[in-house]
Amino acid sequence: MTTSAVHSTEHAPHMRRALVLAGKGIEAGELPIGVVVVLDSKIIAEAYCSDKGLKKLHHPELLVLLDVDGRGYSLRERQSMTLYTTLEPCVMCYGAVLSCCVGRIVFGLDAPIDGALARIGGPTLAEAHHPEYQRPEVIGNVLSNESRVLFEAFIDQSIDSAMTAFAERVVAGVLVSPAAPLSEANR
């Protein structure tokens, strides 16, 4: 994973859009996770947490990837895409990025609780046999303070104690042991 001032400046405009979407998540009473997918400097898909209380697999990363997957992009186009998210993707969403062949992930706030980088650090892939399954470039901590502020705002107004506890641990940067089971509240 890389982080630098150059990356932050380059990726700030699209991350700002993800932050706006994350704010809509808070308005919906959900976690402040906003996601956009960009191809050729244009946003081609976007989503935010909106109904996870009812559907546990409706992470916004999955929603945008399902949208992208249904449009018939070539492998080369997919590998040129960047997924921007306000929170480090979980293992499930990281796997979906791999399966969709997206070339880059840019995220705001680390998620040591269930983030893919903290949990698996990158899978070992048989790239010689499946060249389309290459690990995406990962750039973290882009506008992370802005993402943290949204999580703090969510904590202040949330009535969902399980989601509030998750958000508090994200803001605090609390790690969960890889052997420790995750509750359903964790994303």
C-alpha atoms as a PDB file:
ATOM      1  CA  MET A   1       0.000   0.000   0.000  1.00  0.00           C
ATOM      2  CA  THR A   2       1.211   3.471  -0.797  1.00  0.00           C
ATOM      3  CA  THR A   3       0.346   6.900   0.494  1.00  0.00           C
ATOM      4  CA  SER A   4       1.870  10.231  -0.471  1.00  0.00           C
ATOM      5  CA  ALA A   5       0.957  13.868  -0.868  1.00  0.00           C
ATOM      6  CA  VAL A   6       1.083  13.418  -4.649  1.00  0.00           C
ATOM      7  CA  HIS A   7      -1.421  10.556  -4.462  1.00  0.00           C
ATOM      8  CA  SER A   8      -3.654  12.540  -2.123  1.00  0.00           C
ATOM      9  CA  THR A   9      -3.750  15.494  -4.519  1.00  0.00           C
ATOM     10  CA  GLU A  10      -4.293  13.324  -7.575  1.00  0.00           C
ATOM     11  CA  HIS A  11      -7.106  11.320  -6.003  1.00  0.00           C
ATOM     12  CA  ALA A  12      -8.780  14.019  -3.902  1.00  0.00           C
ATOM     13  CA  PRO A  13     -11.518  15.017  -6.392  1.00  0.00           C
ATOM     14  CA  HIS A  14     -12.934  11.500  -6.704  1.00  0.00           C
ATOM     15  CA  MET A  15     -12.499  10.827  -3.005  1.00  0.00           C
ATOM     16  CA  ARG A  16     -14.451  14.007  -2.291  1.00  0.00           C
ATOM     17  CA  ARG A  17     -17.361  12.578  -4.290  1.00  0.00           C
ATOM     18  CA  ALA A  18     -17.132   9.371  -2.237  1.00  0.00           C
ATOM     19  CA  LEU A  19     -17.252  11.530   0.906  1.00  0.00           C
ATOM     20  CA  VAL A  20     -20.406  13.284  -0.330  1.00  0.00           C
ATOM     21  CA  LEU A  21     -21.989   9.875  -0.885  1.00  0.00           C
ATOM     22  CA  ALA A  22     -20.860   8.769   2.583  1.00  0.00           C
ATOM     23  CA  GLY A  23     -22.760  11.760   3.965  1.00  0.00           C
ATOM     24  CA  LYS A  24     -25.885  10.428   2.251  1.00  0.00           C
ATOM     25  CA  GLY A  25     -25.273   7.166   4.086  1.00  0.00           C
ATOM     26  CA  ILE A  26     -25.385   9.017   7.400  1.00  0.00           C
ATOM     27  CA  GLU A  27     -28.639  10.686   6.305  1.00  0.00           C
ATOM     28  CA  ALA A  28     -30.042   7.188   5.663  1.00  0.00           C
ATOM     29  CA  GLY A  29     -28.961   6.126   9.171  1.00  0.00           C
ATOM     30  CA  GLU A  30     -26.190   3.943   7.796  1.00  0.00           C
ATOM     31  CA  LEU A  31     -22.407   3.901   8.092  1.00  0.00           C
ATOM     32  CA  PRO A  32     -20.650   6.696   6.187  1.00  0.00           C
ATOM     33  CA  ILE A  33     -19.205   4.606   3.399  1.00  0.00           C
ATOM     34  CA  GLY A  34     -19.316   6.107  -0.075  1.00  0.00           C
ATOM     35  CA  VAL A  35     -17.834   4.488  -3.169  1.00  0.00           C
ATOM     36  CA  VAL A  36     -17.184   5.551  -6.749  1.00  0.00           C
ATOM     37  CA  VAL A  37     -15.605   3.711  -9.662  1.00  0.00           C
ATOM     38  CA  VAL A  38     -13.654   5.799 -12.139  1.00  0.00           C
ATOM     39  CA  LEU A  39     -12.575   5.029 -15.698  1.00  0.00           C
ATOM     40  CA  ASP A  40     -10.727   7.578 -17.840  1.00  0.00           C
ATOM     41  CA  SER A  41     -11.187  10.244 -15.143  1.00  0.00           C
ATOM     42  CA  LYS A  42     -14.987   9.833 -15.244  1.00  0.00           C
ATOM     43  CA  ILE A  43     -17.178   8.372 -12.513  1.00  0.00           C
ATOM     44  CA  ILE A  44     -18.997   5.395 -14.016  1.00  0.00           C
ATOM     45  CA  ALA A  45     -20.678   4.012 -10.885  1.00  0.00           C
ATOM     46  CA  GLU A  46     -21.368   5.144  -7.340  1.00  0.00           C
ATOM     47  CA  ALA A  47     -23.104   3.909  -4.196  1.00  0.00           C
ATOM     48  CA  TYR A  48     -23.296   4.409  -0.438  1.00  0.00           C
ATOM     49  CA  CYS A  49     -24.572   2.441   2.540  1.00  0.00           C
ATOM     50  CA  SER A  50     -28.332   2.664   2.328  1.00  0.00           C
ATOM     51  CA  ASP A  51     -30.023  -0.569   3.302  1.00  0.00           C
ATOM     52  CA  LYS A  52     -27.487  -2.771   5.031  1.00  0.00           C
ATOM     53  CA  GLY A  53     -29.727  -2.989   8.073  1.00  0.00           C
ATOM     54  CA  LEU A  54     -31.894  -5.326   6.018  1.00  0.00           C
ATOM     55  CA  LYS A  55     -29.322  -6.817   3.630  1.00  0.00           C
ATOM     56  CA  LYS A  56     -25.951  -7.626   5.170  1.00  0.00           C
ATOM     57  CA  LEU A  57     -24.163  -8.102   1.834  1.00  0.00           C
ATOM     58  CA  HIS A  58     -25.200  -4.720   0.408  1.00  0.00           C
ATOM     59  CA  HIS A  59     -21.819  -3.123   0.881  1.00  0.00           C
ATOM     60  CA  PRO A  60     -21.540  -0.152  -1.471  1.00  0.00           C
ATOM     61  CA  GLU A  61     -18.338  -1.626  -2.981  1.00  0.00           C
ATOM     62  CA  LEU A  62     -20.303  -4.687  -4.084  1.00  0.00           C
ATOM     63  CA  LEU A  63     -23.144  -2.580  -5.441  1.00  0.00           C
ATOM     64  CA  VAL A  64     -20.856  -0.516  -7.684  1.00  0.00           C
ATOM     65  CA  LEU A  65     -18.967  -3.596  -8.852  1.00  0.00           C
ATOM     66  CA  LEU A  66     -22.199  -5.385  -9.779  1.00  0.00           C
ATOM     67  CA  ASP A  67     -23.197  -2.306 -11.761  1.00  0.00           C
ATOM     68  CA  VAL A  68     -19.820  -2.175 -13.522  1.00  0.00           C
ATOM     69  CA  ASP A  69     -19.802  -5.921 -14.178  1.00  0.00           C
ATOM     70  CA  GLY A  70     -23.112  -5.754 -16.019  1.00  0.00           C
ATOM     71  CA  ARG A  71     -21.894  -3.210 -18.570  1.00  0.00           C
ATOM     72  CA  GLY A  72     -19.555  -5.374 -20.628  1.00  0.00           C
ATOM     73  CA  TYR A  73     -16.262  -3.572 -20.055  1.00  0.00           C
ATOM     74  CA  SER A  74     -13.183  -5.248 -21.514  1.00  0.00           C
ATOM     75  CA  LEU A  75     -10.444  -6.668 -19.303  1.00  0.00           C
ATOM     76  CA  ARG A  76      -8.175  -3.768 -20.273  1.00  0.00           C
ATOM     77  CA  GLU A  77     -10.855  -1.220 -19.294  1.00  0.00           C
ATOM     78  CA  ARG A  78     -11.466  -2.975 -15.964  1.00  0.00           C
ATOM     79  CA  GLN A  79      -7.769  -2.978 -15.177  1.00  0.00           C
ATOM     80  CA  SER A  80      -7.750   0.776 -15.841  1.00  0.00           C
ATOM     81  CA  MET A  81     -10.553   1.409 -13.324  1.00  0.00           C
ATOM     82  CA  THR A  82     -10.062   2.838  -9.856  1.00  0.00           C
ATOM     83  CA  LEU A  83     -12.417   2.131  -6.959  1.00  0.00           C
ATOM     84  CA  TYR A  84     -12.550   4.969  -4.403  1.00  0.00           C
ATOM     85  CA  THR A  85     -14.014   4.236  -0.988  1.00  0.00           C
ATOM     86  CA  THR A  86     -14.095   6.180   2.245  1.00  0.00           C
ATOM     87  CA  LEU A  87     -13.229   3.052   4.270  1.00  0.00           C
ATOM     88  CA  GLU A  88     -10.687   0.320   3.547  1.00  0.00           C
ATOM     89  CA  PRO A  89     -12.580  -2.539   1.871  1.00  0.00           C
ATOM     90  CA  CYS A  90     -13.398  -5.673   3.835  1.00  0.00           C
ATOM     91  CA  VAL A  91     -12.163  -9.064   2.649  1.00  0.00           C
ATOM     92  CA  MET A  92     -15.408  -9.756   0.766  1.00  0.00           C
ATOM     93  CA  CYS A  93     -15.221  -6.471  -1.124  1.00  0.00           C
ATOM     94  CA  TYR A  94     -11.505  -6.876  -1.822  1.00  0.00           C
ATOM     95  CA  GLY A  95     -12.281 -10.284  -3.325  1.00  0.00           C
ATOM     96  CA  ALA A  96     -14.985  -8.706  -5.476  1.00  0.00           C
ATOM     97  CA  VAL A  97     -12.467  -6.093  -6.710  1.00  0.00           C
ATOM     98  CA  LEU A  98     -10.156  -8.965  -7.690  1.00  0.00           C
ATOM     99  CA  SER A  99     -12.953 -10.835  -9.451  1.00  0.00           C
ATOM    100  CA  CYS A 100     -14.021  -7.707 -11.333  1.00  0.00           C
ATOM    101  CA  CYS A 101     -10.355  -7.112 -12.306  1.00  0.00           C
ATOM    102  CA  VAL A 102     -10.311  -3.498 -11.098  1.00  0.00           C
ATOM    103  CA  GLY A 103      -6.757  -2.162 -11.242  1.00  0.00           C
ATOM    104  CA  ARG A 104      -6.627   0.182  -8.256  1.00  0.00           C
ATOM    105  CA  ILE A 105      -8.247   0.788  -4.885  1.00  0.00           C
ATOM    106  CA  VAL A 106      -8.001   4.190  -3.200  1.00  0.00           C
ATOM    107  CA  PHE A 107      -9.417   4.438   0.296  1.00  0.00           C
ATOM    108  CA  GLY A 108      -9.710   7.043   3.005  1.00  0.00           C
ATOM    109  CA  LEU A 109      -9.772   5.517   6.457  1.00  0.00           C
ATOM    110  CA  ASP A 110      -8.042   2.324   7.575  1.00  0.00           C
ATOM    111  CA  ALA A 111     -10.384  -0.374   8.875  1.00  0.00           C
ATOM    112  CA  PRO A 112      -8.256  -2.548  11.149  1.00  0.00           C
ATOM    113  CA  ILE A 113     -11.421  -4.243  12.399  1.00  0.00           C
ATOM    114  CA  ASP A 114     -12.315  -5.999   9.162  1.00  0.00           C
ATOM    115  CA  GLY A 115     -10.249  -4.372   6.437  1.00  0.00           C
ATOM    116  CA  ALA A 116      -8.733  -6.690   3.885  1.00  0.00           C
ATOM    117  CA  LEU A 117      -5.209  -5.298   4.283  1.00  0.00           C
ATOM    118  CA  ALA A 118      -5.247  -5.841   8.033  1.00  0.00           C
ATOM    119  CA  ARG A 119      -6.756  -9.315   7.750  1.00  0.00           C
ATOM    120  CA  ILE A 120      -5.020 -10.902   4.780  1.00  0.00           C
ATOM    121  CA  GLY A 121      -2.447  -8.406   3.526  1.00  0.00           C
ATOM    122  CA  GLY A 122      -3.018  -9.546  -0.039  1.00  0.00           C
ATOM    123  CA  PRO A 123      -3.808 -13.013  -1.316  1.00  0.00           C
ATOM    124  CA  THR A 124      -1.331 -15.243  -3.084  1.00  0.00           C
ATOM    125  CA  LEU A 125      -2.550 -15.514  -6.629  1.00  0.00           C
ATOM    126  CA  ALA A 126      -1.582 -17.851  -9.430  1.00  0.00           C
ATOM    127  CA  GLU A 127      -1.004 -14.965 -11.818  1.00  0.00           C
ATOM    128  CA  ALA A 128       0.735 -17.192 -14.351  1.00  0.00           C
ATOM    129  CA  HIS A 129      -2.444 -19.252 -14.759  1.00  0.00           C
ATOM    130  CA  HIS A 130      -4.942 -16.430 -14.340  1.00  0.00           C
ATOM    131  CA  PRO A 131      -3.310 -13.201 -15.531  1.00  0.00           C
ATOM    132  CA  GLU A 132      -6.566 -11.271 -15.144  1.00  0.00           C
ATOM    133  CA  TYR A 133      -6.456 -11.866 -11.373  1.00  0.00           C
ATOM    134  CA  GLN A 134      -3.726  -9.471 -10.405  1.00  0.00           C
ATOM    135  CA  ARG A 135      -3.662  -7.663  -7.125  1.00  0.00           C
ATOM    136  CA  PRO A 136      -4.862  -4.100  -7.518  1.00  0.00           C
ATOM    137  CA  GLU A 137      -2.616  -1.229  -6.604  1.00  0.00           C
ATOM    138  CA  VAL A 138      -3.775   0.025  -3.194  1.00  0.00           C
ATOM    139  CA  ILE A 139      -3.446   3.640  -2.087  1.00  0.00           C
ATOM    140  CA  GLY A 140      -4.590   4.378   1.425  1.00  0.00           C
ATOM    141  CA  ASN A 141      -5.213   7.314   3.726  1.00  0.00           C
ATOM    142  CA  VAL A 142      -6.449   9.698   1.033  1.00  0.00           C
ATOM    143  CA  LEU A 143      -8.540  12.338   2.841  1.00  0.00           C
ATOM    144  CA  SER A 144      -8.614  10.031   5.866  1.00  0.00           C
ATOM    145  CA  ASN A 145      -9.319  12.902   8.270  1.00  0.00           C
ATOM    146  CA  GLU A 146     -12.465  13.752   6.330  1.00  0.00           C
ATOM    147  CA  SER A 147     -13.577  10.115   6.481  1.00  0.00           C
ATOM    148  CA  ARG A 148     -12.867  10.028  10.223  1.00  0.00           C
ATOM    149  CA  VAL A 149     -14.990  13.168  10.743  1.00  0.00           C
ATOM    150  CA  LEU A 150     -17.922  11.449   9.008  1.00  0.00           C
ATOM    151  CA  PHE A 151     -17.542   8.376  11.215  1.00  0.00           C
ATOM    152  CA  GLU A 152     -17.491  10.622  14.283  1.00  0.00           C
ATOM    153  CA  ALA A 153     -20.675  12.335  13.049  1.00  0.00           C
ATOM    154  CA  PHE A 154     -22.286   8.926  12.583  1.00  0.00           C
ATOM    155  CA  ILE A 155     -21.333   7.967  16.153  1.00  0.00           C
ATOM    156  CA  ASP A 156     -22.886  11.176  17.493  1.00  0.00           C
ATOM    157  CA  GLN A 157     -26.257  10.581  15.848  1.00  0.00           C
ATOM    158  CA  SER A 158     -26.628   6.822  15.417  1.00  0.00           C
ATOM    159  CA  ILE A 159     -29.272   4.919  17.340  1.00  0.00           C
ATOM    160  CA  ASP A 160     -27.974   1.535  16.177  1.00  0.00           C
ATOM    161  CA  SER A 161     -25.726   0.432  19.038  1.00  0.00           C
ATOM    162  CA  ALA A 162     -23.984  -2.328  17.061  1.00  0.00           C
ATOM    163  CA  MET A 163     -23.097  -0.041  14.164  1.00  0.00           C
ATOM    164  CA  THR A 164     -22.064   2.695  16.599  1.00  0.00           C
ATOM    165  CA  ALA A 165     -19.705   0.253  18.327  1.00  0.00           C
ATOM    166  CA  PHE A 166     -18.222  -0.708  14.952  1.00  0.00           C
ATOM    167  CA  ALA A 167     -17.743   2.955  14.007  1.00  0.00           C
ATOM    168  CA  GLU A 168     -16.146   3.729  17.375  1.00  0.00           C
ATOM    169  CA  ARG A 169     -13.622   0.926  16.852  1.00  0.00           C
ATOM    170  CA  VAL A 170     -12.861   2.165  13.317  1.00  0.00           C
ATOM    171  CA  VAL A 171     -12.230   5.703  14.601  1.00  0.00           C
ATOM    172  CA  ALA A 172     -10.084   4.366  17.434  1.00  0.00           C
ATOM    173  CA  GLY A 173      -8.154   2.111  15.043  1.00  0.00           C
ATOM    174  CA  VAL A 174      -8.861  -0.962  17.162  1.00  0.00           C
ATOM    175  CA  LEU A 175      -7.588  -4.217  15.758  1.00  0.00           C
ATOM    176  CA  VAL A 176      -9.495  -7.459  16.002  1.00  0.00           C
ATOM    177  CA  SER A 177      -7.396 -10.595  16.258  1.00  0.00           C
ATOM    178  CA  PRO A 178      -7.572 -12.552  12.970  1.00  0.00           C
ATOM    179  CA  ALA A 179      -8.699 -15.558  15.030  1.00  0.00           C
ATOM    180  CA  ALA A 180     -11.495 -13.600  16.698  1.00  0.00           C
ATOM    181  CA  PRO A 181     -14.927 -14.042  15.140  1.00  0.00           C
ATOM    182  CA  LEU A 182     -16.567 -10.957  13.723  1.00  0.00           C
ATOM    183  CA  SER A 183     -20.128 -10.215  14.722  1.00  0.00           C
ATOM    184  CA  GLU A 184     -22.756  -9.322  12.144  1.00  0.00           C
ATOM    185  CA  ALA A 185     -22.467  -5.740  13.311  1.00  0.00           C
ATOM    186  CA  ASN A 186     -19.000  -5.507  11.793  1.00  0.00           C
ATOM    187  CA  ARG A 187     -20.035  -4.161   8.398  1.00  0.00           C
END
